[in-house]
Amino acid sequence: MAKPLVALLGLGTMGSGMAKNLLKAGFPLTVYNRTASKAQPLAALGARVASSPAEAVAEAELVFSMLADDPASREAWLGEHGALAAAAPGAILIECSTVTPAWIAELGATARARGLELLDAPVTGSRTQAETGQLTFLVGGPEAALALATPALQAMSKEIVHLGPRGAGAKLKLLNNFLCGVQIASLAEGLVWLERSGLDRDRALEVLRKGAPGSPLLAGISARMTARDYTVNFLLSLMAKDLQYAQAAAAETGVDLTTAANAHSLFERAMAQGYADKDMSGVIEPLRDATPDGP
């Protein structure tokens, strides 16, 4: 049975890995990226490269988007030469970007007005998981649409979690990244404290990794912080954005994410000092550079 035609909008850290796994699984794939040069490695692997979102989706049965934020997603779907107006009848639209529930609601309503179904399917995982096909998709939307998208999702993932109606995926993804961002900010402060404490850093970190504070995130991020290797697995600027989006989404339910606000201020500080395009673990560097208080 022939595989459905797939379009993928966005070839950043995550989208490029997703595209490679779709090609590896045999899906005919058209890609679009605002910076066209990022599409050339995929063209060499067999992807067709489009010059606009509209061109990318014209014949696609499944349309994936993996972009930075609400404005980038809006431009790709609804902007000049946008994907939504050009999408084929019956196409399933899958928004994998980490965006606000409010934008998902608007995009979903606009899609339905054209007779199209939208799934919100953001992911957990970073560059390594995208490249190895080990993402987890957090899906909101109709089961029938998900069933049609599942074979392509499976090519990119280790797990697909259907959470309920459209918007559920966006909400859980922001909650997930809120908890991650706060832990990373706390780790940055704790590690700088540790480095100035006179303790053996490596032995102390081993205790922390094995103890109650330990987590896969702490293990991975602390290794990058100690090595000062900020090769991008997850952009620092995107975590700052996600913390901001999480605060806004929580506020709609009457919850004030005070810890997110504190973490966001640290990420903003790192961005101001030139770490926006580095890995999110680089959030520690402004703290390392700060002069300790004292005589």
C-alpha atoms as a PDB file:
ATOM      1  CA  MET A   1       0.000   0.000   0.000  1.00  0.00           C
ATOM      2  CA  ALA A   2       1.387   3.367  -1.013  1.00  0.00           C
ATOM      3  CA  LYS A   3       2.364   5.697   1.804  1.00  0.00           C
ATOM      4  CA  PRO A   4       0.614   9.072   1.995  1.00  0.00           C
ATOM      5  CA  LEU A   5       2.314  12.163   0.653  1.00  0.00           C
ATOM      6  CA  VAL A   6       3.737  14.216   3.542  1.00  0.00           C
ATOM      7  CA  ALA A   7       4.730  17.874   3.807  1.00  0.00           C
ATOM      8  CA  LEU A   8       6.903  19.220   6.607  1.00  0.00           C
ATOM      9  CA  LEU A   9       7.223  22.934   7.350  1.00  0.00           C
ATOM     10  CA  GLY A  10      10.299  23.882   9.395  1.00  0.00           C
ATOM     11  CA  LEU A  11      13.753  22.301   9.354  1.00  0.00           C
ATOM     12  CA  GLY A  12      15.314  23.514  12.560  1.00  0.00           C
ATOM     13  CA  THR A  13      16.898  21.378  15.257  1.00  0.00           C
ATOM     14  CA  MET A  14      13.794  19.185  15.518  1.00  0.00           C
ATOM     15  CA  GLY A  15      12.270  19.364  12.068  1.00  0.00           C
ATOM     16  CA  SER A  16      15.375  18.200  10.220  1.00  0.00           C
ATOM     17  CA  GLY A  17      15.574  15.036  12.323  1.00  0.00           C
ATOM     18  CA  MET A  18      11.880  14.373  11.859  1.00  0.00           C
ATOM     19  CA  ALA A  19      12.216  14.771   8.096  1.00  0.00           C
ATOM     20  CA  LYS A  20      15.092  12.288   7.914  1.00  0.00           C
ATOM     21  CA  ASN A  21      13.059   9.655   9.748  1.00  0.00           C
ATOM     22  CA  LEU A  22      10.057  10.163   7.474  1.00  0.00           C
ATOM     23  CA  LEU A  23      12.317   9.636   4.458  1.00  0.00           C
ATOM     24  CA  LYS A  24      13.937   6.611   6.088  1.00  0.00           C
ATOM     25  CA  ALA A  25      10.477   5.091   6.573  1.00  0.00           C
ATOM     26  CA  GLY A  26       9.677   5.552   2.891  1.00  0.00           C
ATOM     27  CA  PHE A  27       7.245   8.463   3.024  1.00  0.00           C
ATOM     28  CA  PRO A  28       7.290  10.699  -0.053  1.00  0.00           C
ATOM     29  CA  LEU A  29       8.196  14.055   1.485  1.00  0.00           C
ATOM     30  CA  THR A  30       8.117  17.709   0.505  1.00  0.00           C
ATOM     31  CA  VAL A  31       9.846  20.158   2.825  1.00  0.00           C
ATOM     32  CA  TYR A  32       9.835  23.909   3.271  1.00  0.00           C
ATOM     33  CA  ASN A  33      12.149  26.053   5.340  1.00  0.00           C
ATOM     34  CA  ARG A  34      12.422  29.828   5.419  1.00  0.00           C
ATOM     35  CA  THR A  35      16.218  29.500   5.148  1.00  0.00           C
ATOM     36  CA  ALA A  36      16.353  27.403   1.995  1.00  0.00           C
ATOM     37  CA  SER A  37      19.924  26.186   2.487  1.00  0.00           C
ATOM     38  CA  LYS A  38      18.802  24.030   5.434  1.00  0.00           C
ATOM     39  CA  ALA A  39      16.712  21.967   3.031  1.00  0.00           C
ATOM     40  CA  GLN A  40      19.590  20.914   0.776  1.00  0.00           C
ATOM     41  CA  PRO A  41      20.791  17.933   2.879  1.00  0.00           C
ATOM     42  CA  LEU A  42      17.240  16.579   2.761  1.00  0.00           C
ATOM     43  CA  ALA A  43      17.028  17.088  -0.983  1.00  0.00           C
ATOM     44  CA  ALA A  44      20.090  14.859  -1.254  1.00  0.00           C
ATOM     45  CA  LEU A  45      18.163  12.202   0.671  1.00  0.00           C
ATOM     46  CA  GLY A  46      15.181  12.372  -1.670  1.00  0.00           C
ATOM     47  CA  ALA A  47      12.937  15.119  -0.331  1.00  0.00           C
ATOM     48  CA  ARG A  48      11.341  17.594  -2.695  1.00  0.00           C
ATOM     49  CA  VAL A  49      12.087  21.182  -1.658  1.00  0.00           C
ATOM     50  CA  ALA A  50       9.307  23.753  -1.963  1.00  0.00           C
ATOM     51  CA  SER A  51       9.731  27.499  -2.197  1.00  0.00           C
ATOM     52  CA  SER A  52       6.715  28.317  -0.008  1.00  0.00           C
ATOM     53  CA  PRO A  53       4.395  26.628   2.488  1.00  0.00           C
ATOM     54  CA  ALA A  54       1.623  26.728  -0.111  1.00  0.00           C
ATOM     55  CA  GLU A  55       3.747  24.895  -2.660  1.00  0.00           C
ATOM     56  CA  ALA A  56       4.827  22.338  -0.047  1.00  0.00           C
ATOM     57  CA  VAL A  57       1.311  21.287   0.914  1.00  0.00           C
ATOM     58  CA  ALA A  58      -0.459  21.464  -2.436  1.00  0.00           C
ATOM     59  CA  GLU A  59      -0.750  17.675  -2.851  1.00  0.00           C
ATOM     60  CA  ALA A  60       0.075  16.487   0.667  1.00  0.00           C
ATOM     61  CA  GLU A  61      -2.238  14.187   2.601  1.00  0.00           C
ATOM     62  CA  LEU A  62      -0.451  14.897   5.894  1.00  0.00           C
ATOM     63  CA  VAL A  63       0.999  18.319   6.722  1.00  0.00           C
ATOM     64  CA  PHE A  64       3.388  18.676   9.663  1.00  0.00           C
ATOM     65  CA  SER A  65       4.649  21.943  11.068  1.00  0.00           C
ATOM     66  CA  MET A  66       7.611  22.261  13.457  1.00  0.00           C
ATOM     67  CA  LEU A  67       8.352  25.940  14.007  1.00  0.00           C
ATOM     68  CA  ALA A  68       9.658  28.226  16.722  1.00  0.00           C
ATOM     69  CA  ASP A  69       6.624  30.023  18.114  1.00  0.00           C
ATOM     70  CA  ASP A  70       3.134  31.441  17.511  1.00  0.00           C
ATOM     71  CA  PRO A  71       4.236  34.121  15.006  1.00  0.00           C
ATOM     72  CA  ALA A  72       6.259  31.644  12.929  1.00  0.00           C
ATOM     73  CA  SER A  73       3.396  29.155  12.940  1.00  0.00           C
ATOM     74  CA  ARG A  74       0.861  31.828  12.015  1.00  0.00           C
ATOM     75  CA  GLU A  75       3.029  32.999   9.108  1.00  0.00           C
ATOM     76  CA  ALA A  76       3.475  29.458   7.780  1.00  0.00           C
ATOM     77  CA  TRP A  77      -0.217  28.592   7.970  1.00  0.00           C
ATOM     78  CA  LEU A  78      -2.004  31.879   7.327  1.00  0.00           C
ATOM     79  CA  GLY A  79       0.569  34.261   5.868  1.00  0.00           C
ATOM     80  CA  GLU A  80       1.156  35.161   2.242  1.00  0.00           C
ATOM     81  CA  HIS A  81       1.591  31.866   0.355  1.00  0.00           C
ATOM     82  CA  GLY A  82       0.504  30.132   3.579  1.00  0.00           C
ATOM     83  CA  ALA A  83      -0.204  26.433   3.878  1.00  0.00           C
ATOM     84  CA  LEU A  84      -3.809  26.478   5.036  1.00  0.00           C
ATOM     85  CA  ALA A  85      -5.332  28.071   1.957  1.00  0.00           C
ATOM     86  CA  ALA A  86      -3.419  25.695  -0.310  1.00  0.00           C
ATOM     87  CA  ALA A  87      -3.990  22.463   1.621  1.00  0.00           C
ATOM     88  CA  ALA A  88      -5.677  19.691  -0.323  1.00  0.00           C
ATOM     89  CA  PRO A  89      -9.235  18.658   0.597  1.00  0.00           C
ATOM     90  CA  GLY A  90      -9.149  15.968   3.261  1.00  0.00           C
ATOM     91  CA  ALA A  91      -5.577  16.703   4.329  1.00  0.00           C
ATOM     92  CA  ILE A  92      -4.751  16.204   8.009  1.00  0.00           C
ATOM     93  CA  LEU A  93      -2.845  19.113   9.549  1.00  0.00           C
ATOM     94  CA  ILE A  94      -0.486  18.339  12.439  1.00  0.00           C
ATOM     95  CA  GLU A  95       0.996  21.247  14.405  1.00  0.00           C
ATOM     96  CA  CYS A  96       4.030  19.947  16.286  1.00  0.00           C
ATOM     97  CA  SER A  97       5.411  23.330  17.344  1.00  0.00           C
ATOM     98  CA  THR A  98       5.351  24.403  20.987  1.00  0.00           C
ATOM     99  CA  VAL A  99       2.720  27.123  20.744  1.00  0.00           C
ATOM    100  CA  THR A 100      -0.050  28.548  22.894  1.00  0.00           C
ATOM    101  CA  PRO A 101      -3.409  26.808  23.357  1.00  0.00           C
ATOM    102  CA  ALA A 102      -5.030  30.048  22.203  1.00  0.00           C
ATOM    103  CA  TRP A 103      -3.270  29.853  18.847  1.00  0.00           C
ATOM    104  CA  ILE A 104      -4.181  26.170  18.470  1.00  0.00           C
ATOM    105  CA  ALA A 105      -7.842  27.067  19.090  1.00  0.00           C
ATOM    106  CA  GLU A 106      -7.715  29.798  16.437  1.00  0.00           C
ATOM    107  CA  LEU A 107      -5.876  27.673  13.894  1.00  0.00           C
ATOM    108  CA  GLY A 108      -8.187  24.731  14.513  1.00  0.00           C
ATOM    109  CA  ALA A 109     -11.290  26.853  13.973  1.00  0.00           C
ATOM    110  CA  THR A 110      -9.841  28.305  10.774  1.00  0.00           C
ATOM    111  CA  ALA A 111      -8.998  24.828   9.527  1.00  0.00           C
ATOM    112  CA  ARG A 112     -12.475  23.513  10.296  1.00  0.00           C
ATOM    113  CA  ALA A 113     -13.988  26.415   8.371  1.00  0.00           C
ATOM    114  CA  ARG A 114     -12.136  25.032   5.335  1.00  0.00           C
ATOM    115  CA  GLY A 115     -13.260  21.474   6.065  1.00  0.00           C
ATOM    116  CA  LEU A 116      -9.865  20.374   7.379  1.00  0.00           C
ATOM    117  CA  GLU A 117      -8.903  18.680  10.638  1.00  0.00           C
ATOM    118  CA  LEU A 118      -6.072  19.882  12.846  1.00  0.00           C
ATOM    119  CA  LEU A 119      -4.165  17.851  15.424  1.00  0.00           C
ATOM    120  CA  ASP A 120      -1.919  19.571  17.924  1.00  0.00           C
ATOM    121  CA  ALA A 121       0.969  17.180  18.455  1.00  0.00           C
ATOM    122  CA  PRO A 122       3.931  18.820  20.186  1.00  0.00           C
ATOM    123  CA  VAL A 123       6.793  16.583  21.207  1.00  0.00           C
ATOM    124  CA  THR A 124       8.924  15.761  24.194  1.00  0.00           C
ATOM    125  CA  GLY A 125      12.567  15.125  23.451  1.00  0.00           C
ATOM    126  CA  SER A 126      15.302  17.212  21.876  1.00  0.00           C
ATOM    127  CA  ARG A 127      17.755  16.942  18.982  1.00  0.00           C
ATOM    128  CA  THR A 128      18.969  13.408  19.788  1.00  0.00           C
ATOM    129  CA  GLN A 129      15.429  12.007  20.043  1.00  0.00           C
ATOM    130  CA  ALA A 130      14.380  13.760  16.826  1.00  0.00           C
ATOM    131  CA  GLU A 131      17.339  12.288  14.965  1.00  0.00           C
ATOM    132  CA  THR A 132      16.825   8.753  16.289  1.00  0.00           C
ATOM    133  CA  GLY A 133      13.039   8.633  15.923  1.00  0.00           C
ATOM    134  CA  GLN A 134      12.489   8.483  19.685  1.00  0.00           C
ATOM    135  CA  LEU A 135      10.189  11.465  20.211  1.00  0.00           C
ATOM    136  CA  THR A 136       6.974  11.314  22.219  1.00  0.00           C
ATOM    137  CA  PHE A 137       4.017  13.036  20.560  1.00  0.00           C
ATOM    138  CA  LEU A 138       1.426  14.656  22.848  1.00  0.00           C
ATOM    139  CA  VAL A 139      -1.690  14.706  20.716  1.00  0.00           C
ATOM    140  CA  GLY A 140      -4.945  16.592  20.964  1.00  0.00           C
ATOM    141  CA  GLY A 141      -7.731  16.228  18.405  1.00  0.00           C
ATOM    142  CA  PRO A 142     -10.136  13.773  16.786  1.00  0.00           C
ATOM    143  CA  GLU A 143      -9.305  10.078  16.958  1.00  0.00           C
ATOM    144  CA  ALA A 144     -10.168   9.571  13.277  1.00  0.00           C
ATOM    145  CA  ALA A 145      -7.617  12.175  12.198  1.00  0.00           C
ATOM    146  CA  LEU A 146      -5.024  10.697  14.536  1.00  0.00           C
ATOM    147  CA  ALA A 147      -5.559   7.243  13.044  1.00  0.00           C
ATOM    148  CA  LEU A 148      -4.696   8.596   9.587  1.00  0.00           C
ATOM    149  CA  ALA A 149      -1.601  10.380  10.897  1.00  0.00           C
ATOM    150  CA  THR A 150      -0.360   7.523  13.099  1.00  0.00           C
ATOM    151  CA  PRO A 151       1.876   5.696  10.573  1.00  0.00           C
ATOM    152  CA  ALA A 152       3.865   8.879   9.920  1.00  0.00           C
ATOM    153  CA  LEU A 153       3.983   9.729  13.632  1.00  0.00           C
ATOM    154  CA  GLN A 154       5.268   6.240  14.382  1.00  0.00           C
ATOM    155  CA  ALA A 155       8.171   6.767  11.984  1.00  0.00           C
ATOM    156  CA  MET A 156       9.370   9.634  14.188  1.00  0.00           C
ATOM    157  CA  SER A 157       8.537   8.443  17.684  1.00  0.00           C
ATOM    158  CA  LYS A 158       8.732   5.933  20.471  1.00  0.00           C
ATOM    159  CA  GLU A 159       5.293   6.860  21.820  1.00  0.00           C
ATOM    160  CA  ILE A 160       2.102   8.611  20.733  1.00  0.00           C
ATOM    161  CA  VAL A 161      -0.117   9.791  23.590  1.00  0.00           C
ATOM    162  CA  HIS A 162      -3.658  10.859  22.713  1.00  0.00           C
ATOM    163  CA  LEU A 163      -4.672  13.285  25.464  1.00  0.00           C
ATOM    164  CA  GLY A 164      -8.147  14.283  24.341  1.00  0.00           C
ATOM    165  CA  PRO A 165      -9.614  17.173  22.372  1.00  0.00           C
ATOM    166  CA  ARG A 166      -7.629  19.633  20.305  1.00  0.00           C
ATOM    167  CA  GLY A 167      -5.483  21.859  22.519  1.00  0.00           C
ATOM    168  CA  ALA A 168      -4.714  19.162  25.075  1.00  0.00           C
ATOM    169  CA  GLY A 169      -1.303  18.510  23.570  1.00  0.00           C
ATOM    170  CA  ALA A 170      -0.346  22.189  23.645  1.00  0.00           C
ATOM    171  CA  LYS A 171      -1.370  22.504  27.287  1.00  0.00           C
ATOM    172  CA  LEU A 172       0.591  19.475  28.487  1.00  0.00           C
ATOM    173  CA  LYS A 173       3.663  20.465  26.458  1.00  0.00           C
ATOM    174  CA  LEU A 174       3.782  23.875  28.150  1.00  0.00           C
ATOM    175  CA  LEU A 175       3.339  22.275  31.560  1.00  0.00           C
ATOM    176  CA  ASN A 176       6.153  19.849  30.720  1.00  0.00           C
ATOM    177  CA  ASN A 177       8.506  22.616  29.617  1.00  0.00           C
ATOM    178  CA  PHE A 178       7.605  24.795  32.591  1.00  0.00           C
ATOM    179  CA  LEU A 179       8.795  22.038  34.920  1.00  0.00           C
ATOM    180  CA  CYS A 180      11.930  21.492  32.817  1.00  0.00           C
ATOM    181  CA  GLY A 181      12.783  25.187  32.646  1.00  0.00           C
ATOM    182  CA  VAL A 182      12.430  25.679  36.387  1.00  0.00           C
ATOM    183  CA  GLN A 183      14.624  22.645  37.087  1.00  0.00           C
ATOM    184  CA  ILE A 184      17.305  23.875  34.685  1.00  0.00           C
ATOM    185  CA  ALA A 185      17.329  27.333  36.287  1.00  0.00           C
ATOM    186  CA  SER A 186      17.567  25.789  39.760  1.00  0.00           C
ATOM    187  CA  LEU A 187      20.357  23.499  38.601  1.00  0.00           C
ATOM    188  CA  ALA A 188      22.286  26.458  37.195  1.00  0.00           C
ATOM    189  CA  GLU A 189      22.099  28.278  40.518  1.00  0.00           C
ATOM    190  CA  GLY A 190      22.917  25.140  42.487  1.00  0.00           C
ATOM    191  CA  LEU A 191      25.885  24.239  40.319  1.00  0.00           C
ATOM    192  CA  VAL A 192      27.437  27.705  40.593  1.00  0.00           C
ATOM    193  CA  TRP A 193      26.973  27.474  44.363  1.00  0.00           C
ATOM    194  CA  LEU A 194      28.624  24.047  44.280  1.00  0.00           C
ATOM    195  CA  GLU A 195      31.553  25.321  42.209  1.00  0.00           C
ATOM    196  CA  ARG A 196      32.205  28.099  44.713  1.00  0.00           C
ATOM    197  CA  SER A 197      31.687  25.944  47.795  1.00  0.00           C
ATOM    198  CA  GLY A 198      35.000  24.121  47.904  1.00  0.00           C
ATOM    199  CA  LEU A 199      33.304  20.750  47.506  1.00  0.00           C
ATOM    200  CA  ASP A 200      34.522  18.195  44.989  1.00  0.00           C
ATOM    201  CA  ARG A 201      32.155  19.071  42.153  1.00  0.00           C
ATOM    202  CA  ASP A 202      32.109  15.710  40.396  1.00  0.00           C
ATOM    203  CA  ARG A 203      31.573  13.687  43.580  1.00  0.00           C
ATOM    204  CA  ALA A 204      28.853  16.048  44.753  1.00  0.00           C
ATOM    205  CA  LEU A 205      27.061  15.873  41.386  1.00  0.00           C
ATOM    206  CA  GLU A 206      27.158  12.092  41.499  1.00  0.00           C
ATOM    207  CA  VAL A 207      25.366  12.172  44.859  1.00  0.00           C
ATOM    208  CA  LEU A 208      22.761  14.592  43.504  1.00  0.00           C
ATOM    209  CA  ARG A 209      22.184  12.574  40.337  1.00  0.00           C
ATOM    210  CA  LYS A 210      21.589   9.389  42.354  1.00  0.00           C
ATOM    211  CA  GLY A 211      19.525  11.075  45.068  1.00  0.00           C
ATOM    212  CA  ALA A 212      16.078  12.616  45.290  1.00  0.00           C
ATOM    213  CA  PRO A 213      16.930  15.608  43.037  1.00  0.00           C
ATOM    214  CA  GLY A 214      18.154  13.287  40.298  1.00  0.00           C
ATOM    215  CA  SER A 215      16.417  13.031  36.942  1.00  0.00           C
ATOM    216  CA  PRO A 216      17.382  12.363  33.309  1.00  0.00           C
ATOM    217  CA  LEU A 217      17.202  16.120  32.764  1.00  0.00           C
ATOM    218  CA  LEU A 218      19.550  16.885  35.665  1.00  0.00           C
ATOM    219  CA  ALA A 219      22.021  14.261  34.449  1.00  0.00           C
ATOM    220  CA  GLY A 220      22.108  15.505  30.879  1.00  0.00           C
ATOM    221  CA  ILE A 221      22.078  19.228  31.589  1.00  0.00           C
ATOM    222  CA  SER A 222      24.642  19.067  34.405  1.00  0.00           C
ATOM    223  CA  ALA A 223      27.026  17.227  32.060  1.00  0.00           C
ATOM    224  CA  ARG A 224      26.724  19.999  29.476  1.00  0.00           C
ATOM    225  CA  MET A 225      27.091  22.703  32.109  1.00  0.00           C
ATOM    226  CA  THR A 226      30.244  21.167  33.573  1.00  0.00           C
ATOM    227  CA  ALA A 227      31.747  20.579  30.115  1.00  0.00           C
ATOM    228  CA  ARG A 228      30.652  24.067  29.031  1.00  0.00           C
ATOM    229  CA  ASP A 229      29.524  22.471  25.771  1.00  0.00           C
ATOM    230  CA  TYR A 230      26.517  24.417  24.539  1.00  0.00           C
ATOM    231  CA  THR A 231      26.047  22.679  21.205  1.00  0.00           C
ATOM    232  CA  VAL A 232      22.321  23.004  20.592  1.00  0.00           C
ATOM    233  CA  ASN A 233      20.048  20.199  21.709  1.00  0.00           C
ATOM    234  CA  PHE A 234      17.330  22.665  22.673  1.00  0.00           C
ATOM    235  CA  LEU A 235      17.702  26.384  21.983  1.00  0.00           C
ATOM    236  CA  LEU A 236      17.947  28.591  25.046  1.00  0.00           C
ATOM    237  CA  SER A 237      15.739  31.212  23.416  1.00  0.00           C
ATOM    238  CA  LEU A 238      12.992  28.643  22.878  1.00  0.00           C
ATOM    239  CA  MET A 239      12.968  27.655  26.545  1.00  0.00           C
ATOM    240  CA  ALA A 240      12.610  31.336  27.446  1.00  0.00           C
ATOM    241  CA  LYS A 241       9.651  31.509  25.056  1.00  0.00           C
ATOM    242  CA  ASP A 242       8.088  28.352  26.479  1.00  0.00           C
ATOM    243  CA  LEU A 243       8.286  29.680  30.043  1.00  0.00           C
ATOM    244  CA  GLN A 244       6.564  32.860  28.910  1.00  0.00           C
ATOM    245  CA  TYR A 245       3.837  30.899  27.113  1.00  0.00           C
ATOM    246  CA  ALA A 246       3.386  28.656  30.158  1.00  0.00           C
ATOM    247  CA  GLN A 247       2.850  31.646  32.434  1.00  0.00           C
ATOM    248  CA  ALA A 248       0.180  33.035  30.100  1.00  0.00           C
ATOM    249  CA  ALA A 249      -1.614  29.692  29.729  1.00  0.00           C
ATOM    250  CA  ALA A 250      -1.598  29.026  33.475  1.00  0.00           C
ATOM    251  CA  ALA A 251      -2.865  32.537  34.189  1.00  0.00           C
ATOM    252  CA  GLU A 252      -5.971  31.743  32.130  1.00  0.00           C
ATOM    253  CA  THR A 253      -6.841  29.142  34.792  1.00  0.00           C
ATOM    254  CA  GLY A 254      -6.031  31.474  37.691  1.00  0.00           C
ATOM    255  CA  VAL A 255      -2.615  29.966  38.443  1.00  0.00           C
ATOM    256  CA  ASP A 256       0.385  32.256  38.938  1.00  0.00           C
ATOM    257  CA  LEU A 257       3.588  30.433  37.993  1.00  0.00           C
ATOM    258  CA  THR A 258       5.969  32.385  40.212  1.00  0.00           C
ATOM    259  CA  THR A 259       8.783  29.875  39.751  1.00  0.00           C
ATOM    260  CA  ALA A 260       8.405  30.173  35.973  1.00  0.00           C
ATOM    261  CA  ALA A 261       8.723  33.939  36.271  1.00  0.00           C
ATOM    262  CA  ASN A 262      11.971  33.600  38.208  1.00  0.00           C
ATOM    263  CA  ALA A 263      13.356  31.031  35.771  1.00  0.00           C
ATOM    264  CA  HIS A 264      12.317  33.154  32.800  1.00  0.00           C
ATOM    265  CA  SER A 265      14.244  36.129  34.164  1.00  0.00           C
ATOM    266  CA  LEU A 266      17.402  34.001  34.301  1.00  0.00           C
ATOM    267  CA  PHE A 267      16.920  32.814  30.722  1.00  0.00           C
ATOM    268  CA  GLU A 268      16.311  36.412  29.616  1.00  0.00           C
ATOM    269  CA  ARG A 269      19.554  37.400  31.318  1.00  0.00           C
ATOM    270  CA  ALA A 270      21.421  34.691  29.439  1.00  0.00           C
ATOM    271  CA  MET A 271      19.890  35.824  26.157  1.00  0.00           C
ATOM    272  CA  ALA A 272      20.988  39.401  26.836  1.00  0.00           C
ATOM    273  CA  GLN A 273      24.547  38.123  27.306  1.00  0.00           C
ATOM    274  CA  GLY A 274      24.658  36.343  23.960  1.00  0.00           C
ATOM    275  CA  TYR A 275      23.459  32.803  24.713  1.00  0.00           C
ATOM    276  CA  ALA A 276      20.108  32.925  22.863  1.00  0.00           C
ATOM    277  CA  ASP A 277      21.325  30.661  20.059  1.00  0.00           C
ATOM    278  CA  LYS A 278      23.177  28.262  22.362  1.00  0.00           C
ATOM    279  CA  ASP A 279      21.841  25.205  24.138  1.00  0.00           C
ATOM    280  CA  MET A 280      19.545  25.951  27.077  1.00  0.00           C
ATOM    281  CA  SER A 281      22.202  24.637  29.466  1.00  0.00           C
ATOM    282  CA  GLY A 282      24.102  27.862  28.726  1.00  0.00           C
ATOM    283  CA  VAL A 283      21.752  29.602  31.147  1.00  0.00           C
ATOM    284  CA  ILE A 284      24.411  28.958  33.808  1.00  0.00           C
ATOM    285  CA  GLU A 285      27.064  31.218  32.290  1.00  0.00           C
ATOM    286  CA  PRO A 286      25.755  34.620  33.447  1.00  0.00           C
ATOM    287  CA  LEU A 287      25.724  33.222  36.986  1.00  0.00           C
ATOM    288  CA  ARG A 288      29.302  32.005  36.647  1.00  0.00           C
ATOM    289  CA  ASP A 289      30.360  35.412  35.359  1.00  0.00           C
ATOM    290  CA  ALA A 290      28.698  37.310  38.202  1.00  0.00           C
ATOM    291  CA  THR A 291      30.994  38.645  40.883  1.00  0.00           C
ATOM    292  CA  PRO A 292      30.152  37.027  44.231  1.00  0.00           C
ATOM    293  CA  ASP A 293      28.819  39.367  46.906  1.00  0.00           C
ATOM    294  CA  GLY A 294      31.136  40.063  49.807  1.00  0.00           C
ATOM    295  CA  PRO A 295      33.964  42.270  50.969  1.00  0.00           C
END
